[in-house]
Every structure is written in C-alpha cells, then in structure tokens.
PDB file of N, CA and C in Angstrom:
ATOM      1  N   MET A   1     207.833 -63.680 -31.358  1.00  0.00           N
ATOM      2  CA  MET A   1     207.440 -63.470 -29.982  1.00  0.00           C
ATOM      3  C   MET A   1     205.954 -63.787 -29.843  1.00  0.00           C
ATOM      4  N   TYR A   2     205.622 -64.531 -28.806  1.00  0.00           N
ATOM      5  CA  TYR A   2     204.245 -64.917 -28.551  1.00  0.00           C
ATOM      6  C   TYR A   2     203.519 -63.816 -27.813  1.00  0.00           C
ATOM      7  N   GLN A   3     202.323 -63.473 -28.256  1.00  0.00           N
ATOM      8  CA  GLN A   3     201.514 -62.487 -27.555  1.00  0.00           C
ATOM      9  C   GLN A   3     200.301 -63.186 -26.970  1.00  0.00           C
ATOM     10  N   PHE A   4     199.949 -62.822 -25.762  1.00  0.00           N
ATOM     11  CA  PHE A   4     198.809 -63.415 -25.102  1.00  0.00           C
ATOM     12  C   PHE A   4     197.516 -62.836 -25.650  1.00  0.00           C
ATOM     13  N   SER A   5     196.511 -63.684 -25.772  1.00  0.00           N
ATOM     14  CA  SER A   5     195.201 -63.176 -26.144  1.00  0.00           C
ATOM     15  C   SER A   5     194.567 -62.549 -24.914  1.00  0.00           C
ATOM     16  N   TYR A   6     193.582 -61.715 -25.146  1.00  0.00           N
ATOM     17  CA  TYR A   6     192.904 -61.051 -24.042  1.00  0.00           C
ATOM     18  C   TYR A   6     192.283 -62.082 -23.100  1.00  0.00           C
ATOM     19  N   ALA A   7     191.723 -63.140 -23.636  1.00  0.00           N
ATOM     20  CA  ALA A   7     191.110 -64.180 -22.814  1.00  0.00           C
ATOM     21  C   ALA A   7     192.133 -64.863 -21.915  1.00  0.00           C
ATOM     22  N   GLU A   8     193.341 -65.078 -22.427  1.00  0.00           N
ATOM     23  CA  GLU A   8     194.387 -65.704 -21.612  1.00  0.00           C
ATOM     24  C   GLU A   8     194.772 -64.809 -20.446  1.00  0.00           C
ATOM     25  N   VAL A   9     194.837 -63.537 -20.690  1.00  0.00           N
ATOM     26  CA  VAL A   9     195.184 -62.604 -19.629  1.00  0.00           C
ATOM     27  C   VAL A   9     194.082 -62.577 -18.577  1.00  0.00           C
ATOM     28  N   LEU A  10     192.822 -62.583 -19.008  1.00  0.00           N
ATOM     29  CA  LEU A  10     191.714 -62.569 -18.064  1.00  0.00           C
ATOM     30  C   LEU A  10     191.666 -63.825 -17.221  1.00  0.00           C
ATOM     31  N   ASP A  11     192.099 -64.941 -17.776  1.00  0.00           N
ATOM     32  CA  ASP A  11     192.082 -66.203 -17.055  1.00  0.00           C
ATOM     33  C   ASP A  11     193.250 -66.355 -16.090  1.00  0.00           C
ATOM     34  N   ASP A  12     194.165 -65.404 -16.084  1.00  0.00           N
ATOM     35  CA  ASP A  12     195.304 -65.459 -15.171  1.00  0.00           C
ATOM     36  C   ASP A  12     194.831 -65.591 -13.736  1.00  0.00           C
ATOM     37  N   ALA A  13     195.558 -66.367 -12.971  1.00  0.00           N
ATOM     38  CA  ALA A  13     195.264 -66.484 -11.552  1.00  0.00           C
ATOM     39  C   ALA A  13     195.528 -65.143 -10.874  1.00  0.00           C
ATOM     40  N   PRO A  14     194.735 -64.817  -9.864  1.00  0.00           N
ATOM     41  CA  PRO A  14     194.965 -63.549  -9.156  1.00  0.00           C
ATOM     42  C   PRO A  14     196.379 -63.422  -8.595  1.00  0.00           C
ATOM     43  N   SER A  15     196.982 -64.535  -8.210  1.00  0.00           N
ATOM     44  CA  SER A  15     198.331 -64.462  -7.649  1.00  0.00           C
ATOM     45  C   SER A  15     199.344 -64.012  -8.692  1.00  0.00           C
ATOM     46  N   SER A  16     199.187 -64.428  -9.947  1.00  0.00           N
ATOM     47  CA  SER A  16     200.136 -63.980 -10.969  1.00  0.00           C
ATOM     48  C   SER A  16     199.883 -62.518 -11.343  1.00  0.00           C
ATOM     49  N   ALA A  17     198.643 -62.088 -11.312  1.00  0.00           N
ATOM     50  CA  ALA A  17     198.346 -60.674 -11.561  1.00  0.00           C
ATOM     51  C   ALA A  17     198.947 -59.825 -10.443  1.00  0.00           C
ATOM     52  N   ARG A  18     198.827 -60.303  -9.233  1.00  0.00           N
ATOM     53  CA  ARG A  18     199.393 -59.601  -8.082  1.00  0.00           C
ATOM     54  C   ARG A  18     200.915 -59.509  -8.186  1.00  0.00           C
ATOM     55  N   GLU A  19     201.543 -60.577  -8.657  1.00  0.00           N
ATOM     56  CA  GLU A  19     202.995 -60.589  -8.840  1.00  0.00           C
ATOM     57  C   GLU A  19     203.407 -59.566  -9.898  1.00  0.00           C
ATOM     58  N   ARG A  20     202.640 -59.460 -10.982  1.00  0.00           N
ATOM     59  CA  ARG A  20     202.951 -58.463 -12.011  1.00  0.00           C
ATOM     60  C   ARG A  20     202.796 -57.047 -11.464  1.00  0.00           C
ATOM     61  N   GLU A  21     201.767 -56.828 -10.650  1.00  0.00           N
ATOM     62  CA  GLU A  21     201.580 -55.522 -10.028  1.00  0.00           C
ATOM     63  C   GLU A  21     202.754 -55.217  -9.101  1.00  0.00           C
ATOM     64  N   TYR A  22     203.177 -56.209  -8.337  1.00  0.00           N
ATOM     65  CA  TYR A  22     204.323 -56.055  -7.435  1.00  0.00           C
ATOM     66  C   TYR A  22     205.570 -55.661  -8.226  1.00  0.00           C
ATOM     67  N   GLN A  23     205.820 -56.365  -9.323  1.00  0.00           N
ATOM     68  CA  GLN A  23     206.994 -56.081 -10.151  1.00  0.00           C
ATOM     69  C   GLN A  23     206.917 -54.692 -10.780  1.00  0.00           C
ATOM     70  N   ALA A  24     205.738 -54.294 -11.217  1.00  0.00           N
ATOM     71  CA  ALA A  24     205.580 -52.966 -11.837  1.00  0.00           C
ATOM     72  C   ALA A  24     205.831 -51.856 -10.819  1.00  0.00           C
ATOM     73  N   ILE A  25     205.317 -52.031  -9.612  1.00  0.00           N
ATOM     74  CA  ILE A  25     205.544 -51.013  -8.587  1.00  0.00           C
ATOM     75  C   ILE A  25     207.015 -51.006  -8.170  1.00  0.00           C
ATOM     76  N   ALA A  26     207.614 -52.197  -8.073  1.00  0.00           N
ATOM     77  CA  ALA A  26     209.047 -52.265  -7.748  1.00  0.00           C
ATOM     78  C   ALA A  26     209.865 -51.535  -8.809  1.00  0.00           C
ATOM     79  N   ARG A  27     209.492 -51.693 -10.062  1.00  0.00           N
ATOM     80  CA  ARG A  27     210.192 -50.992 -11.145  1.00  0.00           C
ATOM     81  C   ARG A  27     210.009 -49.479 -11.016  1.00  0.00           C
ATOM     82  N   SER A  28     208.807 -49.047 -10.665  1.00  0.00           N
ATOM     83  CA  SER A  28     208.585 -47.605 -10.500  1.00  0.00           C
ATOM     84  C   SER A  28     209.454 -47.054  -9.369  1.00  0.00           C
ATOM     85  N   ILE A  29     209.652 -47.831  -8.317  1.00  0.00           N
ATOM     86  CA  ILE A  29     210.506 -47.405  -7.206  1.00  0.00           C
ATOM     87  C   ILE A  29     211.949 -47.264  -7.680  1.00  0.00           C
ATOM     88  N   GLU A  30     212.422 -48.232  -8.444  1.00  0.00           N
ATOM     89  CA  GLU A  30     213.783 -48.148  -8.993  1.00  0.00           C
ATOM     90  C   GLU A  30     213.959 -46.886  -9.822  1.00  0.00           C
ATOM     91  N   LEU A  31     212.985 -46.611 -10.681  1.00  0.00           N
ATOM     92  CA  LEU A  31     213.064 -45.431 -11.543  1.00  0.00           C
ATOM     93  C   LEU A  31     213.005 -44.138 -10.735  1.00  0.00           C
ATOM     94  N   LEU A  32     212.157 -44.102  -9.712  1.00  0.00           N
ATOM     95  CA  LEU A  32     212.057 -42.915  -8.874  1.00  0.00           C
ATOM     96  C   LEU A  32     213.353 -42.678  -8.097  1.00  0.00           C
ATOM     97  N   ARG A  33     213.964 -43.747  -7.625  1.00  0.00           N
ATOM     98  CA  ARG A  33     215.245 -43.601  -6.917  1.00  0.00           C
ATOM     99  C   ARG A  33     216.331 -43.069  -7.856  1.00  0.00           C
ATOM    100  N   ALA A  34     216.361 -43.589  -9.067  1.00  0.00           N
ATOM    101  CA  ALA A  34     217.350 -43.107 -10.040  1.00  0.00           C
ATOM    102  C   ALA A  34     217.093 -41.646 -10.377  1.00  0.00           C
ATOM    103  N   ALA A  35     215.818 -41.267 -10.496  1.00  0.00           N
ATOM    104  CA  ALA A  35     215.467 -39.874 -10.794  1.00  0.00           C
ATOM    105  C   ALA A  35     215.837 -38.953  -9.639  1.00  0.00           C
ATOM    106  N   GLU A  36     215.600 -39.407  -8.420  1.00  0.00           N
ATOM    107  CA  GLU A  36     215.949 -38.607  -7.250  1.00  0.00           C
ATOM    108  C   GLU A  36     217.456 -38.348  -7.215  1.00  0.00           C
ATOM    109  N   LYS A  37     218.222 -39.376  -7.524  1.00  0.00           N
ATOM    110  CA  LYS A  37     219.684 -39.259  -7.514  1.00  0.00           C
ATOM    111  C   LYS A  37     220.185 -38.340  -8.646  1.00  0.00           C
ATOM    112  N   ALA A  38     219.580 -38.479  -9.832  1.00  0.00           N
ATOM    113  CA  ALA A  38     220.036 -37.727 -11.004  1.00  0.00           C
ATOM    114  C   ALA A  38     219.501 -36.298 -11.039  1.00  0.00           C
ATOM    115  N   GLY A  39     218.377 -36.061 -10.380  1.00  0.00           N
ATOM    116  CA  GLY A  39     217.821 -34.710 -10.343  1.00  0.00           C
ATOM    117  C   GLY A  39     216.620 -34.524 -11.249  1.00  0.00           C
ATOM    118  N   PRO A  40     215.871 -33.443 -11.001  1.00  0.00           N
ATOM    119  CA  PRO A  40     214.603 -33.228 -11.703  1.00  0.00           C
ATOM    120  C   PRO A  40     214.733 -32.904 -13.192  1.00  0.00           C
ATOM    121  N   ASN A  41     215.879 -32.495 -13.657  1.00  0.00           N
ATOM    122  CA  ASN A  41     216.039 -32.169 -15.080  1.00  0.00           C
ATOM    123  C   ASN A  41     216.761 -33.264 -15.847  1.00  0.00           C
ATOM    124  N   SER A  42     216.747 -34.469 -15.329  1.00  0.00           N
ATOM    125  CA  SER A  42     217.506 -35.567 -15.932  1.00  0.00           C
ATOM    126  C   SER A  42     216.638 -36.468 -16.809  1.00  0.00           C
ATOM    127  N   ARG A  43     217.329 -37.234 -17.627  1.00  0.00           N
ATOM    128  CA  ARG A  43     216.661 -38.253 -18.435  1.00  0.00           C
ATOM    129  C   ARG A  43     215.977 -39.277 -17.524  1.00  0.00           C
ATOM    130  N   GLU A  44     216.619 -39.591 -16.392  1.00  0.00           N
ATOM    131  CA  GLU A  44     216.053 -40.544 -15.435  1.00  0.00           C
ATOM    132  C   GLU A  44     214.721 -40.043 -14.873  1.00  0.00           C
ATOM    133  N   CYS A  45     214.648 -38.742 -14.666  1.00  0.00           N
ATOM    134  CA  CYS A  45     213.404 -38.157 -14.170  1.00  0.00           C
ATOM    135  C   CYS A  45     212.287 -38.283 -15.208  1.00  0.00           C
ATOM    136  N   VAL A  46     212.607 -37.986 -16.440  1.00  0.00           N
ATOM    137  CA  VAL A  46     211.609 -38.108 -17.510  1.00  0.00           C
ATOM    138  C   VAL A  46     211.116 -39.556 -17.603  1.00  0.00           C
ATOM    139  N   GLU A  47     212.039 -40.499 -17.555  1.00  0.00           N
ATOM    140  CA  GLU A  47     211.679 -41.917 -17.628  1.00  0.00           C
ATOM    141  C   GLU A  47     210.783 -42.315 -16.453  1.00  0.00           C
ATOM    142  N   ALA A  48     211.133 -41.864 -15.245  1.00  0.00           N
ATOM    143  CA  ALA A  48     210.332 -42.191 -14.062  1.00  0.00           C
ATOM    144  C   ALA A  48     208.935 -41.581 -14.159  1.00  0.00           C
ATOM    145  N   VAL A  49     208.864 -40.320 -14.561  1.00  0.00           N
ATOM    146  CA  VAL A  49     207.573 -39.644 -14.681  1.00  0.00           C
ATOM    147  C   VAL A  49     206.669 -40.375 -15.669  1.00  0.00           C
ATOM    148  N   LEU A  50     207.195 -40.715 -16.818  1.00  0.00           N
ATOM    149  CA  LEU A  50     206.385 -41.407 -17.827  1.00  0.00           C
ATOM    150  C   LEU A  50     205.913 -42.771 -17.332  1.00  0.00           C
ATOM    151  N   PHE A  51     206.824 -43.527 -16.718  1.00  0.00           N
ATOM    152  CA  PHE A  51     206.456 -44.867 -16.242  1.00  0.00           C
ATOM    153  C   PHE A  51     205.404 -44.794 -15.139  1.00  0.00           C
ATOM    154  N   VAL A  52     205.626 -43.927 -14.152  1.00  0.00           N
ATOM    155  CA  VAL A  52     204.693 -43.825 -13.024  1.00  0.00           C
ATOM    156  C   VAL A  52     203.325 -43.348 -13.500  1.00  0.00           C
ATOM    157  N   ARG A  53     203.292 -42.402 -14.407  1.00  0.00           N
ATOM    158  CA  ARG A  53     202.002 -41.928 -14.937  1.00  0.00           C
ATOM    159  C   ARG A  53     201.256 -43.039 -15.659  1.00  0.00           C
ATOM    160  N   ARG A  54     201.949 -43.777 -16.512  1.00  0.00           N
ATOM    161  CA  ARG A  54     201.286 -44.886 -17.224  1.00  0.00           C
ATOM    162  C   ARG A  54     200.799 -45.951 -16.256  1.00  0.00           C
ATOM    163  N   LEU A  55     201.640 -46.292 -15.289  1.00  0.00           N
ATOM    164  CA  LEU A  55     201.275 -47.331 -14.325  1.00  0.00           C
ATOM    165  C   LEU A  55     200.034 -46.944 -13.535  1.00  0.00           C
ATOM    166  N   TRP A  56     200.032 -45.741 -12.989  1.00  0.00           N
ATOM    167  CA  TRP A  56     198.897 -45.341 -12.164  1.00  0.00           C
ATOM    168  C   TRP A  56     197.649 -45.048 -12.992  1.00  0.00           C
ATOM    169  N   ASN A  57     197.793 -44.602 -14.210  1.00  0.00           N
ATOM    170  CA  ASN A  57     196.617 -44.471 -15.078  1.00  0.00           C
ATOM    171  C   ASN A  57     195.996 -45.843 -15.324  1.00  0.00           C
ATOM    172  N   PHE A  58     196.843 -46.849 -15.540  1.00  0.00           N
ATOM    173  CA  PHE A  58     196.349 -48.210 -15.718  1.00  0.00           C
ATOM    174  C   PHE A  58     195.629 -48.691 -14.452  1.00  0.00           C
ATOM    175  N   PHE A  59     196.267 -48.500 -13.289  1.00  0.00           N
ATOM    176  CA  PHE A  59     195.644 -48.918 -12.027  1.00  0.00           C
ATOM    177  C   PHE A  59     194.311 -48.223 -11.812  1.00  0.00           C
ATOM    178  N   LEU A  60     194.262 -46.919 -12.056  1.00  0.00           N
ATOM    179  CA  LEU A  60     193.024 -46.169 -11.839  1.00  0.00           C
ATOM    180  C   LEU A  60     191.910 -46.627 -12.769  1.00  0.00           C
ATOM    181  N   GLU A  61     192.249 -46.904 -14.016  1.00  0.00           N
ATOM    182  CA  GLU A  61     191.239 -47.420 -14.945  1.00  0.00           C
ATOM    183  C   GLU A  61     190.693 -48.748 -14.448  1.00  0.00           C
ATOM    184  N   ASP A  62     191.578 -49.626 -13.990  1.00  0.00           N
ATOM    185  CA  ASP A  62     191.157 -50.931 -13.498  1.00  0.00           C
ATOM    186  C   ASP A  62     190.325 -50.801 -12.221  1.00  0.00           C
ATOM    187  N   LEU A  63     190.729 -49.928 -11.321  1.00  0.00           N
ATOM    188  CA  LEU A  63     189.996 -49.744 -10.071  1.00  0.00           C
ATOM    189  C   LEU A  63     188.607 -49.172 -10.301  1.00  0.00           C
ATOM    190  N   ALA A  64     188.426 -48.433 -11.366  1.00  0.00           N
ATOM    191  CA  ALA A  64     187.135 -47.810 -11.652  1.00  0.00           C
ATOM    192  C   ALA A  64     186.148 -48.768 -12.318  1.00  0.00           C
ATOM    193  N   LEU A  65     186.622 -49.910 -12.769  1.00  0.00           N
ATOM    194  CA  LEU A  65     185.727 -50.859 -13.429  1.00  0.00           C
ATOM    195  C   LEU A  65     184.718 -51.433 -12.441  1.00  0.00           C
ATOM    196  N   PRO A  66     183.458 -51.527 -12.845  1.00  0.00           N
ATOM    197  CA  PRO A  66     182.437 -52.056 -11.927  1.00  0.00           C
ATOM    198  C   PRO A  66     182.673 -53.529 -11.556  1.00  0.00           C
ATOM    199  N   ASP A  67     183.372 -54.273 -12.390  1.00  0.00           N
ATOM    200  CA  ASP A  67     183.601 -55.693 -12.078  1.00  0.00           C
ATOM    201  C   ASP A  67     184.908 -55.937 -11.334  1.00  0.00           C
ATOM    202  N   ASN A  68     185.582 -54.868 -10.899  1.00  0.00           N
ATOM    203  CA  ASN A  68     186.780 -55.016 -10.077  1.00  0.00           C
ATOM    204  C   ASN A  68     186.355 -55.659  -8.761  1.00  0.00           C
ATOM    205  N   GLU A  69     187.040 -56.723  -8.365  1.00  0.00           N
ATOM    206  CA  GLU A  69     186.604 -57.521  -7.223  1.00  0.00           C
ATOM    207  C   GLU A  69     187.154 -57.054  -5.875  1.00  0.00           C
ATOM    208  N   LEU A  70     187.971 -56.016  -5.859  1.00  0.00           N
ATOM    209  CA  LEU A  70     188.443 -55.508  -4.577  1.00  0.00           C
ATOM    210  C   LEU A  70     187.282 -54.901  -3.805  1.00  0.00           C
ATOM    211  N   PRO A  71     187.335 -54.959  -2.481  1.00  0.00           N
ATOM    212  CA  PRO A  71     186.280 -54.307  -1.683  1.00  0.00           C
ATOM    213  C   PRO A  71     186.227 -52.808  -1.990  1.00  0.00           C
ATOM    214  N   LYS A  72     185.031 -52.264  -2.023  1.00  0.00           N
ATOM    215  CA  LYS A  72     184.861 -50.856  -2.392  1.00  0.00           C
ATOM    216  C   LYS A  72     185.679 -49.890  -1.532  1.00  0.00           C
ATOM    217  N   PRO A  73     185.756 -50.078  -0.204  1.00  0.00           N
ATOM    218  CA  PRO A  73     186.582 -49.143   0.581  1.00  0.00           C
ATOM    219  C   PRO A  73     188.066 -49.186   0.174  1.00  0.00           C
ATOM    220  N   LEU A  74     188.581 -50.367  -0.103  1.00  0.00           N
ATOM    221  CA  LEU A  74     189.970 -50.484  -0.541  1.00  0.00           C
ATOM    222  C   LEU A  74     190.157 -49.835  -1.908  1.00  0.00           C
ATOM    223  N   ARG A  75     189.214 -50.067  -2.804  1.00  0.00           N
ATOM    224  CA  ARG A  75     189.283 -49.431  -4.123  1.00  0.00           C
ATOM    225  C   ARG A  75     189.288 -47.919  -3.989  1.00  0.00           C
ATOM    226  N   ALA A  76     188.424 -47.384  -3.130  1.00  0.00           N
ATOM    227  CA  ALA A  76     188.360 -45.933  -2.929  1.00  0.00           C
ATOM    228  C   ALA A  76     189.685 -45.408  -2.381  1.00  0.00           C
ATOM    229  N   ASP A  77     190.268 -46.129  -1.429  1.00  0.00           N
ATOM    230  CA  ASP A  77     191.561 -45.714  -0.874  1.00  0.00           C
ATOM    231  C   ASP A  77     192.643 -45.716  -1.946  1.00  0.00           C
ATOM    232  N   LEU A  78     192.676 -46.773  -2.757  1.00  0.00           N
ATOM    233  CA  LEU A  78     193.691 -46.865  -3.803  1.00  0.00           C
ATOM    234  C   LEU A  78     193.492 -45.805  -4.882  1.00  0.00           C
ATOM    235  N   ILE A  79     192.253 -45.485  -5.181  1.00  0.00           N
ATOM    236  CA  ILE A  79     191.980 -44.412  -6.143  1.00  0.00           C
ATOM    237  C   ILE A  79     192.488 -43.082  -5.591  1.00  0.00           C
ATOM    238  N   SER A  80     192.247 -42.829  -4.308  1.00  0.00           N
ATOM    239  CA  SER A  80     192.744 -41.593  -3.688  1.00  0.00           C
ATOM    240  C   SER A  80     194.268 -41.529  -3.743  1.00  0.00           C
ATOM    241  N   ILE A  81     194.909 -42.643  -3.434  1.00  0.00           N
ATOM    242  CA  ILE A  81     196.372 -42.699  -3.498  1.00  0.00           C
ATOM    243  C   ILE A  81     196.836 -42.464  -4.926  1.00  0.00           C
ATOM    244  N   GLY A  82     196.185 -43.117  -5.872  1.00  0.00           N
ATOM    245  CA  GLY A  82     196.560 -42.963  -7.278  1.00  0.00           C
ATOM    246  C   GLY A  82     196.436 -41.533  -7.763  1.00  0.00           C
ATOM    247  N   LEU A  83     195.376 -40.855  -7.351  1.00  0.00           N
ATOM    248  CA  LEU A  83     195.207 -39.454  -7.739  1.00  0.00           C
ATOM    249  C   LEU A  83     196.296 -38.585  -7.123  1.00  0.00           C
ATOM    250  N   TRP A  84     196.667 -38.884  -5.877  1.00  0.00           N
ATOM    251  CA  TRP A  84     197.757 -38.157  -5.243  1.00  0.00           C
ATOM    252  C   TRP A  84     199.073 -38.395  -5.987  1.00  0.00           C
ATOM    253  N   VAL A  85     199.342 -39.663  -6.335  1.00  0.00           N
ATOM    254  CA  VAL A  85     200.570 -39.994  -7.069  1.00  0.00           C
ATOM    255  C   VAL A  85     200.619 -39.218  -8.378  1.00  0.00           C
ATOM    256  N   LEU A  86     199.524 -39.215  -9.117  1.00  0.00           N
ATOM    257  CA  LEU A  86     199.499 -38.497 -10.397  1.00  0.00           C
ATOM    258  C   LEU A  86     199.711 -36.996 -10.202  1.00  0.00           C
ATOM    259  N   LYS A  87     199.116 -36.444  -9.143  1.00  0.00           N
ATOM    260  CA  LYS A  87     199.308 -35.016  -8.862  1.00  0.00           C
ATOM    261  C   LYS A  87     200.777 -34.727  -8.540  1.00  0.00           C
ATOM    262  N   GLU A  88     201.376 -35.561  -7.705  1.00  0.00           N
ATOM    263  CA  GLU A  88     202.778 -35.361  -7.326  1.00  0.00           C
ATOM    264  C   GLU A  88     203.713 -35.536  -8.522  1.00  0.00           C
ATOM    265  N   ILE A  89     203.446 -36.529  -9.344  1.00  0.00           N
ATOM    266  CA  ILE A  89     204.329 -36.775 -10.496  1.00  0.00           C
ATOM    267  C   ILE A  89     204.206 -35.634 -11.498  1.00  0.00           C
ATOM    268  N   ASP A  90     203.015 -35.053 -11.622  1.00  0.00           N
ATOM    269  CA  ASP A  90     202.857 -33.892 -12.508  1.00  0.00           C
ATOM    270  C   ASP A  90     203.579 -32.672 -11.946  1.00  0.00           C
ATOM    271  N   GLN A  91     203.580 -32.519 -10.638  1.00  0.00           N
ATOM    272  CA  GLN A  91     204.321 -31.414 -10.020  1.00  0.00           C
ATOM    273  C   GLN A  91     205.823 -31.558 -10.287  1.00  0.00           C
ATOM    274  N   ILE A  92     206.309 -32.795 -10.251  1.00  0.00           N
ATOM    275  CA  ILE A  92     207.718 -33.041 -10.576  1.00  0.00           C
ATOM    276  C   ILE A  92     207.972 -32.719 -12.043  1.00  0.00           C
ATOM    277  N   ARG A  93     207.068 -33.161 -12.898  1.00  0.00           N
ATOM    278  CA  ARG A  93     207.213 -32.898 -14.339  1.00  0.00           C
ATOM    279  C   ARG A  93     207.243 -31.407 -14.632  1.00  0.00           C
ATOM    280  N   LEU A  94     206.435 -30.645 -13.909  1.00  0.00           N
ATOM    281  CA  LEU A  94     206.364 -29.206 -14.102  1.00  0.00           C
ATOM    282  C   LEU A  94     207.460 -28.453 -13.343  1.00  0.00           C
ATOM    283  N   GLU A  95     208.339 -29.207 -12.699  1.00  0.00           N
ATOM    284  CA  GLU A  95     209.457 -28.658 -11.920  1.00  0.00           C
ATOM    285  C   GLU A  95     208.975 -27.780 -10.770  1.00  0.00           C
ATOM    286  N   LYS A  96     207.813 -28.135 -10.193  1.00  0.00           N
ATOM    287  CA  LYS A  96     207.281 -27.433  -9.033  1.00  0.00           C
ATOM    288  C   LYS A  96     207.517 -28.220  -7.748  1.00  0.00           C
ATOM    289  N   SER A  97     208.057 -29.426  -7.877  1.00  0.00           N
ATOM    290  CA  SER A  97     208.298 -30.279  -6.724  1.00  0.00           C
ATOM    291  C   SER A  97     209.446 -31.227  -7.027  1.00  0.00           C
ATOM    292  N   THR A  98     210.054 -31.715  -5.953  1.00  0.00           N
ATOM    293  CA  THR A  98     211.048 -32.784  -6.064  1.00  0.00           C
ATOM    294  C   THR A  98     210.719 -33.856  -5.019  1.00  0.00           C
ATOM    295  N   ASN A  99     209.441 -34.134  -4.841  1.00  0.00           N
ATOM    296  CA  ASN A  99     208.966 -35.049  -3.802  1.00  0.00           C
ATOM    297  C   ASN A  99     209.131 -36.519  -4.210  1.00  0.00           C
ATOM    298  N   PHE A 100     210.322 -36.870  -4.621  1.00  0.00           N
ATOM    299  CA  PHE A 100     210.581 -38.265  -4.967  1.00  0.00           C
ATOM    300  C   PHE A 100     210.442 -39.152  -3.731  1.00  0.00           C
ATOM    301  N   LYS A 101     210.931 -38.652  -2.601  1.00  0.00           N
ATOM    302  CA  LYS A 101     210.924 -39.442  -1.366  1.00  0.00           C
ATOM    303  C   LYS A 101     209.501 -39.860  -0.993  1.00  0.00           C
ATOM    304  N   GLY A 102     208.555 -38.933  -1.050  1.00  0.00           N
ATOM    305  CA  GLY A 102     207.164 -39.260  -0.727  1.00  0.00           C
ATOM    306  C   GLY A 102     206.592 -40.303  -1.663  1.00  0.00           C
ATOM    307  N   LEU A 103     206.863 -40.142  -2.944  1.00  0.00           N
ATOM    308  CA  LEU A 103     206.382 -41.116  -3.935  1.00  0.00           C
ATOM    309  C   LEU A 103     207.006 -42.483  -3.705  1.00  0.00           C
ATOM    310  N   ILE A 104     208.288 -42.502  -3.381  1.00  0.00           N
ATOM    311  CA  ILE A 104     208.977 -43.772  -3.126  1.00  0.00           C
ATOM    312  C   ILE A 104     208.386 -44.457  -1.899  1.00  0.00           C
ATOM    313  N   GLU A 105     208.185 -43.702  -0.822  1.00  0.00           N
ATOM    314  CA  GLU A 105     207.654 -44.285   0.414  1.00  0.00           C
ATOM    315  C   GLU A 105     206.254 -44.864   0.218  1.00  0.00           C
ATOM    316  N   VAL A 106     205.385 -44.127  -0.449  1.00  0.00           N
ATOM    317  CA  VAL A 106     204.024 -44.620  -0.704  1.00  0.00           C
ATOM    318  C   VAL A 106     204.078 -45.858  -1.598  1.00  0.00           C
ATOM    319  N   SER A 107     204.915 -45.819  -2.611  1.00  0.00           N
ATOM    320  CA  SER A 107     205.034 -46.963  -3.517  1.00  0.00           C
ATOM    321  C   SER A 107     205.569 -48.192  -2.795  1.00  0.00           C
ATOM    322  N   GLU A 108     206.518 -47.991  -1.888  1.00  0.00           N
ATOM    323  CA  GLU A 108     207.051 -49.119  -1.114  1.00  0.00           C
ATOM    324  C   GLU A 108     205.973 -49.752  -0.246  1.00  0.00           C
ATOM    325  N   GLN A 109     205.141 -48.922   0.365  1.00  0.00           N
ATOM    326  CA  GLN A 109     204.063 -49.454   1.192  1.00  0.00           C
ATOM    327  C   GLN A 109     203.066 -50.257   0.365  1.00  0.00           C
ATOM    328  N   ILE A 110     202.720 -49.751  -0.801  1.00  0.00           N
ATOM    329  CA  ILE A 110     201.791 -50.483  -1.663  1.00  0.00           C
ATOM    330  C   ILE A 110     202.429 -51.778  -2.155  1.00  0.00           C
ATOM    331  N   ARG A 111     203.677 -51.687  -2.593  1.00  0.00           N
ATOM    332  CA  ARG A 111     204.405 -52.887  -3.035  1.00  0.00           C
ATOM    333  C   ARG A 111     204.439 -53.944  -1.932  1.00  0.00           C
ATOM    334  N   ASP A 112     204.788 -53.521  -0.728  1.00  0.00           N
ATOM    335  CA  ASP A 112     204.890 -54.461   0.384  1.00  0.00           C
ATOM    336  C   ASP A 112     203.535 -55.064   0.742  1.00  0.00           C
ATOM    337  N   GLY A 113     202.466 -54.318   0.520  1.00  0.00           N
ATOM    338  CA  GLY A 113     201.119 -54.837   0.767  1.00  0.00           C
ATOM    339  C   GLY A 113     200.711 -55.912  -0.227  1.00  0.00           C
ATOM    340  N   LEU A 114     201.394 -55.984  -1.348  1.00  0.00           N
ATOM    341  CA  LEU A 114     201.087 -56.995  -2.371  1.00  0.00           C
ATOM    342  C   LEU A 114     201.784 -58.329  -2.120  1.00  0.00           C
ATOM    343  N   LYS A 115     202.711 -58.364  -1.156  1.00  0.00           N
ATOM    344  CA  LYS A 115     203.447 -59.608  -0.871  1.00  0.00           C
ATOM    345  C   LYS A 115     202.539 -60.694  -0.411  1.00  0.00           C
TER     346      LYS A 115
END
C-alpha cells in the first residue's frame, strides 16, 4: 500500500482537501444516524462517538494553526461549533444525553456548506 508523504498531502489542491472533509463529515452523519437508531448503549454509538471525537479534534487542531487560511471570523465560528460538538458527544458518551438529532443537523449544515 502506498502512503503519501507529508509534502504530498500539503501540496493537495484545496478542492481535494475540501472533498475529504465533506466525505469525513458525511461518514460522521452516517455513524450518528446508526447510533441514534441503535441507541446510546450500542456498539454503533461507541463507533460514532469515537469517530466524531477524532474528526472534530483534528478539525480544531487545524483551525487553531496560525497558517490556516480561512478568515478569522469563520475559523472562530467553526471552533465554537467544534467545541459544542465535542461537548455534546461527551454527554452522549457519559449517557447524559441522546442529542443525536442536533449533532446530525449541525453536521449536515457543515457538510452542505462544503459543496
């Protein structure tokens, strides 16, 4: 299996990076829907929680970088959303919430904004 070097990834066109972000968020929506259907104590829920946490931790790290080229107000908005997502997903993990619907709706809006 071929692995990309860090330089190759950095040289990626913004459109392909955007497509990967779109696909990752779409996958998180699929997992959240499966978790909502299966319930908070299911394997599907654990899988969704882990995926969403990793995804948003990655996004937040990238948004915090000083060389991130997004406009600062948009970055601030996305960071706020990301922190909310992480808080909600932790509440689900701790069995204090079942707010899958809210997470799905926010994720759909972000996904659709990447089109």
